[in-house]
Amino acid sequence: MKLRFLNVSGAALPDLLAAPLGQHGSIVNYQSSMVESITEFDLLVVDCSAIPHHQFETAGQQSFSAIKANRPVLLFRPTQAHKQTLAQYGVIFTYICSDSLCLLIDPTSSADGDPVALVEHMGAISEGMVERTLDVRNNAGQIETVRTDVFPVNKAAVPTISDLQPFISRVQQAVHRRSFGGTHNDVKASNDDQGPNLPPSDIPKTLWNCTPILLYWTLNPHGGTQDNFTPPQGNITLECLASVGVYYDNVNFNQPVQWLLIEHSGHLYTQINVNDKTNRGWSLAYMTIAGQNISSATMVSNQSSPNNVSDVTQYTSSSEFTVGLTAGTEGIAGNMSYSIGSSQSCSISDWKIIQKTPNSWLFDQQTPYDGTTDGFPDGAAGSDGVAALPTISTSALAFNSQTVWVHLPATKDSINVSYTYDVQCRFTWSESTGTDWSAWSWRWHTWPSKGFTIAFSSAYPTK
């Protein structure tokens, strides 16, 4: 059976999207005279760049109908205003509050009101700044910062079809799961963590919402030429599942409250170009998950994990809390309670983790040198060439962090919380003649950030 994609943009899809989609099925342009329903298609596609946000109501209604019919929705170039319209129609409740290249809205299991999962295509680093530094050292102990370049990333860079292909593959997985059966196992980070458990099936869907948002960036570190040597361009990927859960509770406090859980789980990994005594890179040096402090008079931090950690090489990140509901809440027959929790253990040998704030963590290489070092790090190179690096630095860092807040009293308002994902990587090159040696170290640093809009109305009684 050939897959069918319904385009409701009012215009033909751009080749950037139509070409990769066309490899997996046929694209049908919506006509007002059509008698077919959304259930006869496998995917709803909207080119938001063809629809001004103030004319997006029809597409918003069609997206709502598609999600209710258990059909994924693919949005191309949605702006923050487009996402706000989707939130007004109840298509999404938690989302990244900025413009996107592509956004997949994927019903997580069935058409009975279960939450959706979101997959954001970030592509290459598209915002923030990049710092590129070259440091030099030799056997005489001389050290010099040759240059440091700090520059904004070109936001006007046009993505290519090949750039979009990995994202379209994820879309294809979501479509095939519904058309041909299967389980919901593709909207997750590259490790096996699935985020917090879901409430029991008899808990009304209006009293909780958990939205997994898959974030991933491709990073291409590079350095300038020095002494006729230019380091090759690197290939590093940051992939993270951000699970955002809101849960209504009218038992455990003297007034109704809402629990908020934000969990980050994923991998930072490199396809290292070269790894020998002459040169090594691009290797991972450190990463931070730096979350905004959203505690206030009505938002109290309750748990964070891994907590009270400093310079450890193995940790367990976990959270757990109990939600209570009184009889009559949204029609439930009697008092009810359930637990929400998540736990994951990670080993980071030759690295360390430091909790900076209740909502921020640093993951840092510690041998043969500290990954946060500015300038040429001691131990990076010597007469024997470039020092060997830990396995994590040359392959992948797994990470997990969790923070829980209580909003008191319960509210229908929305909040924004931002996270910065700070990444540094290195390329080190050395040459020697007899007892004389020199080494060059390129340091590439970037700090993309994303903000989440979280609607507490997604977990609030309707009556």
Protein backbone atom coordinates (compact mmCIF):
# COMPACT_ATOMS: atom_id res chain seq x y z
CA MET A 1 0.00 0.00 0.00
CA LYS A 2 1.43 3.36 -1.01
CA LEU A 3 1.46 6.07 1.63
CA ARG A 4 -0.62 9.20 1.03
CA PHE A 5 0.22 12.64 2.41
CA LEU A 6 -2.42 15.40 2.53
CA ASN A 7 -1.04 18.88 1.87
CA VAL A 8 -3.35 21.57 3.31
CA SER A 9 -1.04 24.53 2.61
CA GLY A 10 -3.07 25.96 -0.26
CA ALA A 11 0.00 25.75 -2.51
CA ALA A 12 2.40 23.12 -3.77
CA LEU A 13 5.04 22.07 -1.25
CA PRO A 14 8.58 23.42 -1.83
CA ASP A 15 11.03 20.96 -3.36
CA LEU A 16 13.04 20.92 -0.12
CA LEU A 17 10.10 19.10 1.51
CA ALA A 18 8.33 17.56 -1.48
CA ALA A 19 11.38 15.71 -2.80
CA PRO A 20 12.17 13.62 0.30
CA LEU A 21 8.47 13.06 1.07
CA GLY A 22 7.84 11.98 -2.50
CA GLN A 23 10.32 9.15 -2.07
CA HIS A 24 8.01 7.56 0.51
CA GLY A 25 4.52 8.22 -0.87
CA SER A 26 2.26 10.46 -2.91
CA ILE A 27 1.39 14.05 -2.01
CA VAL A 28 -2.26 15.06 -2.47
CA ASN A 29 -3.13 18.77 -2.45
CA TYR A 30 -6.27 19.54 -0.45
CA GLN A 31 -9.32 20.81 -2.33
CA SER A 32 -12.46 22.16 -0.66
CA SER A 33 -14.52 19.77 -2.78
CA MET A 34 -12.71 16.70 -1.43
CA VAL A 35 -14.94 14.09 0.20
CA GLU A 36 -12.08 12.05 1.68
CA SER A 37 -11.49 12.43 5.41
CA ILE A 38 -8.14 12.73 7.13
CA THR A 39 -8.40 9.06 8.15
CA GLU A 40 -7.85 8.11 4.51
CA PHE A 41 -4.40 9.72 4.59
CA ASP A 42 -1.28 8.80 6.52
CA LEU A 43 0.11 12.26 7.25
CA LEU A 44 -1.09 15.88 7.27
CA VAL A 45 1.47 18.35 5.86
CA VAL A 46 1.38 22.13 6.34
CA ASP A 47 3.82 24.57 4.74
CA CYS A 48 3.50 27.38 7.28
CA SER A 49 5.59 29.73 5.15
CA ALA A 50 2.67 29.76 2.68
CA ILE A 51 0.10 30.65 5.35
CA PRO A 52 0.38 33.86 7.42
CA HIS A 53 -0.20 33.11 11.09
CA HIS A 54 -3.33 35.31 11.17
CA GLN A 55 -4.83 33.06 8.45
CA PHE A 56 -3.75 29.83 10.11
CA GLU A 57 -7.05 29.00 11.84
CA THR A 58 -8.22 26.51 9.19
CA ALA A 59 -4.90 24.68 9.21
CA GLY A 60 -5.03 24.67 13.02
CA GLN A 61 -8.47 23.04 12.96
CA GLN A 62 -7.30 20.50 10.38
CA SER A 63 -4.27 19.70 12.53
CA PHE A 64 -6.52 19.15 15.55
CA SER A 65 -8.71 16.79 13.51
CA ALA A 66 -5.64 14.88 12.30
CA ILE A 67 -4.30 14.37 15.83
CA LYS A 68 -7.72 13.22 17.03
CA ALA A 69 -7.76 10.76 14.12
CA ASN A 70 -4.34 9.47 15.25
CA ARG A 71 -2.52 10.94 12.24
CA PRO A 72 0.84 12.73 12.53
CA VAL A 73 1.12 16.36 11.45
CA LEU A 74 4.24 17.72 9.74
CA LEU A 75 4.77 21.49 9.82
CA PHE A 76 7.35 23.18 7.59
CA ARG A 77 8.83 26.48 8.82
CA PRO A 78 6.33 27.12 11.63
CA THR A 79 6.85 30.40 13.48
CA GLN A 80 6.18 30.94 17.15
CA ALA A 81 2.87 32.56 16.16
CA HIS A 82 1.84 29.43 14.23
CA LYS A 83 2.61 27.32 17.31
CA GLN A 84 0.55 29.65 19.49
CA THR A 85 -2.42 29.11 17.17
CA LEU A 86 -1.97 25.34 17.43
CA ALA A 87 -1.94 25.70 21.23
CA GLN A 88 -5.22 27.64 21.09
CA TYR A 89 -6.81 24.71 19.26
CA GLY A 90 -5.44 22.20 21.76
CA VAL A 91 -3.10 20.56 19.26
CA ILE A 92 -0.07 21.17 21.50
CA PHE A 93 0.35 22.44 25.07
CA THR A 94 4.12 22.42 25.53
CA TYR A 95 6.35 23.53 22.67
CA ILE A 96 9.57 25.32 21.77
CA CYS A 97 8.77 29.03 21.74
CA SER A 98 10.72 30.00 18.64
CA ASP A 99 10.57 29.51 14.89
CA SER A 100 11.48 26.05 13.55
CA LEU A 101 12.55 24.53 10.27
CA CYS A 102 10.37 21.45 10.73
CA LEU A 103 8.10 20.20 13.49
CA LEU A 104 6.53 16.75 13.65
CA ILE A 105 3.50 16.42 15.94
CA ASP A 106 3.07 12.72 16.61
CA PRO A 107 0.17 11.18 18.59
CA THR A 108 1.87 8.90 21.09
CA SER A 109 -0.55 6.00 21.04
CA SER A 110 -4.20 6.41 20.12
CA ALA A 111 -7.00 8.83 19.33
CA ASP A 112 -8.43 8.95 22.84
CA GLY A 113 -6.71 12.15 23.89
CA ASP A 114 -3.28 10.86 24.85
CA PRO A 115 -0.54 13.49 24.63
CA VAL A 116 1.49 14.08 21.51
CA ALA A 117 5.22 13.84 21.03
CA LEU A 118 7.10 16.61 19.25
CA VAL A 119 10.18 16.22 17.07
CA GLU A 120 11.98 19.48 16.27
CA HIS A 121 14.45 19.57 13.40
CA MET A 122 17.22 22.00 14.33
CA GLY A 123 19.62 21.12 11.54
CA ALA A 124 22.99 22.82 11.79
CA ILE A 125 23.46 25.28 14.65
CA SER A 126 21.09 28.06 13.65
CA GLU A 127 21.41 30.58 16.42
CA GLY A 128 23.69 31.84 19.16
CA MET A 129 27.42 32.29 18.77
CA VAL A 130 30.47 30.18 18.03
CA GLU A 131 33.88 30.76 19.59
CA ARG A 132 36.93 29.36 17.79
CA THR A 133 40.34 29.55 19.45
CA LEU A 134 43.83 28.34 18.47
CA ASP A 135 46.44 27.81 21.22
CA VAL A 136 50.09 26.80 20.75
CA ARG A 137 52.65 25.16 23.07
CA ASN A 138 56.16 23.73 22.60
CA ASN A 139 58.81 21.89 24.61
CA ALA A 140 60.15 25.17 26.00
CA GLY A 141 56.85 25.63 27.79
CA GLN A 142 55.80 28.58 25.70
CA ILE A 143 52.08 29.07 25.38
CA GLU A 144 50.27 31.50 23.17
CA THR A 145 46.72 32.16 22.12
CA VAL A 146 47.18 32.82 18.44
CA ARG A 147 43.67 34.05 17.86
CA THR A 148 40.13 33.86 19.10
CA ASP A 149 37.20 34.38 16.76
CA VAL A 150 33.70 34.92 18.12
CA PHE A 151 31.07 35.21 15.45
CA PRO A 152 27.33 34.76 15.00
CA VAL A 153 26.24 31.75 13.00
CA ASN A 154 24.81 32.57 9.60
CA LYS A 155 21.07 32.33 10.13
CA ALA A 156 20.45 32.73 6.40
CA ALA A 157 22.05 29.39 5.55
CA VAL A 158 19.63 27.45 3.33
CA PRO A 159 19.16 23.79 4.29
CA THR A 160 19.45 21.15 1.60
CA ILE A 161 17.40 18.06 0.86
CA SER A 162 20.18 15.91 2.30
CA ASP A 163 20.10 18.01 5.49
CA LEU A 164 16.41 17.24 5.85
CA GLN A 165 16.59 13.53 5.00
CA PRO A 166 17.26 12.24 8.57
CA PHE A 167 14.24 14.17 9.80
CA ILE A 168 12.04 12.80 7.00
CA SER A 169 13.16 9.31 8.01
CA ARG A 170 11.70 9.96 11.46
CA VAL A 171 8.48 11.14 9.84
CA GLN A 172 8.40 7.94 7.81
CA GLN A 173 8.80 5.85 10.98
CA ALA A 174 5.86 7.61 12.62
CA VAL A 175 3.67 7.14 9.54
CA HIS A 176 4.58 3.48 9.09
CA ARG A 177 3.84 2.75 12.73
CA ARG A 178 0.24 3.85 12.23
CA SER A 179 -0.27 2.46 8.75
CA PHE A 180 1.35 -0.93 9.25
CA GLY A 181 1.38 -1.42 13.03
CA GLY A 182 4.22 -1.27 15.53
CA THR A 183 5.13 0.44 18.75
CA HIS A 184 5.96 4.01 19.58
CA ASN A 185 9.72 3.71 19.89
CA ASP A 186 11.16 6.24 17.49
CA VAL A 187 10.42 9.51 19.30
CA LYS A 188 13.14 9.21 21.88
CA ALA A 189 16.75 10.11 22.35
CA SER A 190 19.54 7.81 21.25
CA ASN A 191 19.76 6.17 24.66
CA ASP A 192 16.99 3.92 25.99
CA ASP A 193 15.37 6.30 28.44
CA GLN A 194 11.68 6.85 27.74
CA GLY A 195 11.13 9.68 30.21
CA PRO A 196 8.72 9.55 33.14
CA ASN A 197 6.08 6.84 33.40
CA LEU A 198 2.52 7.64 32.35
CA PRO A 199 -0.35 7.89 34.87
CA PRO A 200 -2.81 4.98 35.09
CA SER A 201 -5.28 4.78 32.21
CA ASP A 202 -8.25 5.68 34.45
CA ILE A 203 -6.81 9.11 35.31
CA PRO A 204 -8.68 11.70 33.19
CA LYS A 205 -6.48 13.13 30.43
CA THR A 206 -7.51 16.66 31.41
CA LEU A 207 -5.59 16.30 34.70
CA TRP A 208 -2.13 15.64 33.28
CA ASN A 209 -0.01 16.21 30.22
CA CYS A 210 3.46 14.92 29.38
CA THR A 211 5.05 16.07 26.13
CA PRO A 212 8.32 14.50 24.94
CA ILE A 213 10.23 16.87 22.65
CA LEU A 214 13.12 15.45 20.66
CA LEU A 215 15.85 18.03 20.04
CA TYR A 216 18.87 17.43 17.87
CA TRP A 217 21.54 19.60 16.35
CA THR A 218 24.43 18.84 14.02
CA LEU A 219 27.65 20.64 14.93
CA ASN A 220 30.48 21.05 12.43
CA PRO A 221 33.56 22.33 14.28
CA HIS A 222 36.38 23.66 12.15
CA GLY A 223 39.58 25.63 12.58
CA GLY A 224 41.75 27.98 10.59
CA THR A 225 45.03 27.04 8.91
CA GLN A 226 48.21 27.19 10.99
CA ASP A 227 51.69 26.34 9.63
CA ASN A 228 50.14 24.84 6.48
CA PHE A 229 47.87 22.52 8.48
CA THR A 230 44.08 22.83 8.53
CA PRO A 231 42.08 20.54 10.82
CA PRO A 232 39.31 18.67 9.01
CA GLN A 233 35.72 19.69 9.65
CA GLY A 234 34.18 17.72 12.48
CA ASN A 235 30.82 15.99 12.74
CA ILE A 236 29.19 16.13 16.18
CA THR A 237 25.55 15.57 17.06
CA LEU A 238 23.63 16.66 20.13
CA GLU A 239 20.44 14.64 20.53
CA CYS A 240 18.20 15.07 23.54
CA LEU A 241 14.73 14.02 24.65
CA ALA A 242 13.21 16.76 26.80
CA SER A 243 10.17 15.37 28.62
CA VAL A 244 7.90 18.05 30.12
CA GLY A 245 5.14 16.80 32.42
CA VAL A 246 2.38 18.73 34.26
CA TYR A 247 0.13 16.96 36.82
CA TYR A 248 -2.86 18.32 38.77
CA ASP A 249 -3.00 17.41 42.50
CA ASN A 250 -5.72 18.42 45.00
CA VAL A 251 -4.80 16.11 47.90
CA ASN A 252 -1.21 16.54 49.05
CA PHE A 253 -1.31 20.26 49.88
CA ASN A 254 -3.86 22.53 51.54
CA GLN A 255 -4.97 23.75 48.11
CA PRO A 256 -4.83 22.37 44.55
CA VAL A 257 -1.35 22.43 43.00
CA GLN A 258 0.40 21.27 39.86
CA TRP A 259 3.61 19.29 39.66
CA LEU A 260 6.05 20.19 36.87
CA LEU A 261 8.76 17.73 35.81
CA ILE A 262 11.40 18.53 33.17
CA GLU A 263 13.80 15.73 32.24
CA HIS A 264 16.66 15.90 29.72
CA SER A 265 18.06 12.61 28.46
CA GLY A 266 20.29 12.02 25.48
CA HIS A 267 23.71 11.77 23.89
CA LEU A 268 26.40 14.11 22.64
CA TYR A 269 28.47 12.12 20.16
CA THR A 270 31.30 12.68 17.70
CA GLN A 271 32.41 10.90 14.56
CA ILE A 272 36.06 11.54 15.35
CA ASN A 273 38.15 12.37 12.29
CA VAL A 274 41.51 11.07 13.50
CA ASN A 275 42.77 9.62 16.77
CA ASP A 276 46.53 8.99 16.89
CA LYS A 277 49.67 10.49 18.45
CA THR A 278 50.01 13.07 15.71
CA ASN A 279 46.52 14.53 15.93
CA ARG A 280 43.23 13.81 17.68
CA GLY A 281 39.87 15.37 17.04
CA TRP A 282 37.35 16.57 16.95
CA SER A 283 36.87 15.30 20.50
CA LEU A 284 34.28 16.18 23.14
CA ALA A 285 35.57 18.40 25.96
CA TYR A 286 32.53 19.39 27.98
CA MET A 287 28.80 20.00 27.88
CA THR A 288 26.42 21.90 30.15
CA ILE A 289 22.66 21.80 30.50
CA ALA A 290 21.97 25.25 31.90
CA GLY A 291 18.33 25.78 32.80
CA GLN A 292 16.72 29.05 33.74
CA ASN A 293 15.75 29.52 37.38
CA ILE A 294 11.94 29.65 37.33
CA SER A 295 11.39 29.39 41.08
CA SER A 296 9.15 32.13 42.44
CA ALA A 297 6.59 32.85 45.14
CA THR A 298 4.22 30.44 43.37
CA MET A 299 6.74 28.01 41.80
CA VAL A 300 8.83 26.06 44.32
CA SER A 301 11.71 23.74 43.42
CA ASN A 302 10.95 20.32 44.92
CA GLN A 303 13.59 17.92 43.55
CA SER A 304 16.58 17.95 41.23
CA SER A 305 18.81 15.11 40.13
CA PRO A 306 21.60 14.22 39.96
CA ASN A 307 21.85 16.36 43.10
CA ASN A 308 24.73 17.25 45.39
CA VAL A 309 27.21 15.82 42.89
CA SER A 310 30.71 17.11 42.31
CA ASP A 311 33.51 15.37 40.44
CA VAL A 312 31.76 11.97 40.40
CA THR A 313 32.24 9.46 37.59
CA GLN A 314 29.03 7.47 38.05
CA TYR A 315 25.61 8.78 38.97
CA THR A 316 21.91 7.98 39.04
CA SER A 317 19.47 10.61 37.91
CA SER A 318 16.00 10.03 39.34
CA SER A 319 12.84 11.70 40.55
CA GLU A 320 9.57 10.49 42.06
CA PHE A 321 6.48 12.12 43.51
CA THR A 322 2.91 11.08 44.34
CA VAL A 323 -0.09 12.83 42.85
CA GLY A 324 -3.43 12.76 44.69
CA LEU A 325 -6.97 13.38 43.43
CA THR A 326 -10.18 13.66 45.46
CA ALA A 327 -13.42 11.92 44.57
CA GLY A 328 -15.50 13.91 42.12
CA THR A 329 -12.55 15.56 40.38
CA GLU A 330 -13.43 15.31 36.69
CA GLY A 331 -16.01 12.68 37.63
CA ILE A 332 -13.71 10.10 39.27
CA ALA A 333 -15.63 7.82 41.65
CA GLY A 334 -13.28 7.85 44.64
CA ASN A 335 -10.02 9.25 45.95
CA MET A 336 -7.08 8.24 43.78
CA SER A 337 -3.31 8.55 43.85
CA TYR A 338 -0.48 7.57 41.55
CA SER A 339 3.29 7.99 41.36
CA ILE A 340 5.31 9.65 38.63
CA GLY A 341 9.00 8.87 38.40
CA SER A 342 12.01 8.31 36.20
CA SER A 343 15.44 6.87 36.89
CA GLN A 344 18.57 6.36 34.83
CA SER A 345 22.15 5.46 35.77
CA CYS A 346 25.13 6.69 33.75
CA SER A 347 28.84 5.93 33.91
CA ILE A 348 31.19 8.76 32.94
CA SER A 349 34.67 7.32 33.57
CA ASP A 350 37.45 9.88 33.08
CA TRP A 351 34.78 12.56 33.07
CA LYS A 352 32.96 14.25 35.94
CA ILE A 353 29.62 15.88 36.64
CA ILE A 354 29.01 18.97 38.75
CA GLN A 355 25.61 20.34 39.69
CA LYS A 356 25.78 24.11 39.29
CA THR A 357 22.20 25.03 40.29
CA PRO A 358 18.99 23.04 40.89
CA ASN A 359 18.43 23.26 37.13
CA SER A 360 21.98 23.25 35.68
CA TRP A 361 24.73 20.64 35.31
CA LEU A 362 28.26 20.47 33.88
CA PHE A 363 29.62 17.27 32.26
CA ASP A 364 33.37 17.68 31.90
CA GLN A 365 36.38 15.65 30.72
CA GLN A 366 38.91 15.39 33.57
CA THR A 367 41.81 13.32 32.11
CA PRO A 368 44.34 13.88 30.64
CA TYR A 369 43.23 17.49 31.15
CA ASP A 370 40.19 19.43 32.30
CA GLY A 371 37.84 19.92 29.35
CA THR A 372 36.88 23.43 30.47
CA THR A 373 40.49 24.66 30.21
CA ASP A 374 41.00 27.96 28.42
CA GLY A 375 44.20 28.13 26.43
CA PHE A 376 46.46 25.14 25.79
CA PRO A 377 45.67 22.51 28.46
CA ASP A 378 48.45 20.91 30.50
CA GLY A 379 48.80 17.26 29.53
CA ALA A 380 47.28 17.57 26.06
CA ALA A 381 50.58 16.95 24.24
CA GLY A 382 54.29 16.42 24.84
CA SER A 383 57.38 14.77 23.42
CA ASP A 384 55.38 11.56 22.88
CA GLY A 385 52.81 13.37 20.77
CA VAL A 386 49.16 14.07 21.48
CA ALA A 387 47.91 12.42 24.67
CA ALA A 388 45.33 9.61 24.40
CA LEU A 389 41.79 10.65 25.25
CA PRO A 390 39.01 8.90 27.21
CA THR A 391 36.54 6.77 25.28
CA ILE A 392 33.70 9.19 26.02
CA SER A 393 35.67 12.07 24.51
CA THR A 394 36.18 10.20 21.24
CA SER A 395 32.74 8.60 21.01
CA ALA A 396 29.66 9.61 23.02
CA LEU A 397 28.57 11.17 26.30
CA ALA A 398 25.25 9.93 27.73
CA PHE A 399 23.51 12.39 30.04
CA ASN A 400 20.35 12.72 32.11
CA SER A 401 19.02 15.44 34.40
CA GLN A 402 15.68 16.04 36.10
CA THR A 403 14.06 18.89 37.99
CA VAL A 404 10.66 18.92 39.73
CA TRP A 405 8.71 22.00 40.81
CA VAL A 406 5.36 22.54 42.52
CA HIS A 407 3.13 25.37 41.30
CA LEU A 408 0.99 26.58 44.20
CA PRO A 409 -1.86 27.27 43.74
CA ALA A 410 -2.89 25.46 40.56
CA THR A 411 -3.20 27.79 37.58
CA LYS A 412 -4.27 27.94 33.94
CA ASP A 413 -1.41 30.27 33.05
CA SER A 414 1.56 29.46 30.85
CA ILE A 415 5.25 29.94 31.62
CA ASN A 416 8.42 30.03 29.56
CA VAL A 417 11.64 28.34 30.63
CA SER A 418 14.86 28.48 28.63
CA TYR A 419 17.78 26.05 28.46
CA THR A 420 21.25 26.61 27.04
CA TYR A 421 23.20 23.61 25.77
CA ASP A 422 26.86 24.62 26.00
CA VAL A 423 29.27 22.40 24.04
CA GLN A 424 33.05 22.58 23.62
CA CYS A 425 35.21 20.31 21.48
CA ARG A 426 38.91 20.19 20.55
CA PHE A 427 41.32 19.24 17.80
CA THR A 428 44.99 18.87 18.79
CA TRP A 429 47.90 18.45 16.36
CA SER A 430 51.55 17.87 17.23
CA GLU A 431 54.83 17.56 15.36
CA SER A 432 58.33 16.77 16.64
CA THR A 433 61.92 16.65 15.43
CA GLY A 434 64.14 14.82 17.88
CA THR A 435 63.62 16.32 21.32
CA ASP A 436 61.89 19.41 19.96
CA TRP A 437 58.12 19.39 19.64
CA SER A 438 55.29 21.81 19.08
CA ALA A 439 51.55 21.36 19.39
CA TRP A 440 48.49 23.28 18.28
CA SER A 441 45.05 22.98 19.84
CA TRP A 442 41.89 24.29 18.22
CA ARG A 443 39.00 24.87 20.60
CA TRP A 444 35.46 25.18 19.16
CA HIS A 445 32.68 26.31 21.46
CA THR A 446 28.99 26.95 20.85
CA TRP A 447 25.97 27.50 23.06
CA PRO A 448 22.57 27.08 21.37
CA SER A 449 19.54 27.71 23.54
CA LYS A 450 15.87 26.84 23.38
CA GLY A 451 12.88 28.06 25.33
CA PHE A 452 9.83 25.98 26.18
CA THR A 453 6.31 27.33 26.55
CA ILE A 454 4.44 25.23 29.12
CA ALA A 455 0.65 25.56 29.49
CA PHE A 456 -0.56 24.60 32.97
CA SER A 457 -4.09 24.59 31.53
CA SER A 458 -3.17 21.19 30.07
CA ALA A 459 -3.59 19.72 33.58
CA TYR A 460 -6.59 21.48 35.08
CA PRO A 461 -10.18 20.31 35.70
CA THR A 462 -12.70 21.37 33.09
CA LYS A 463 -15.46 21.70 35.69
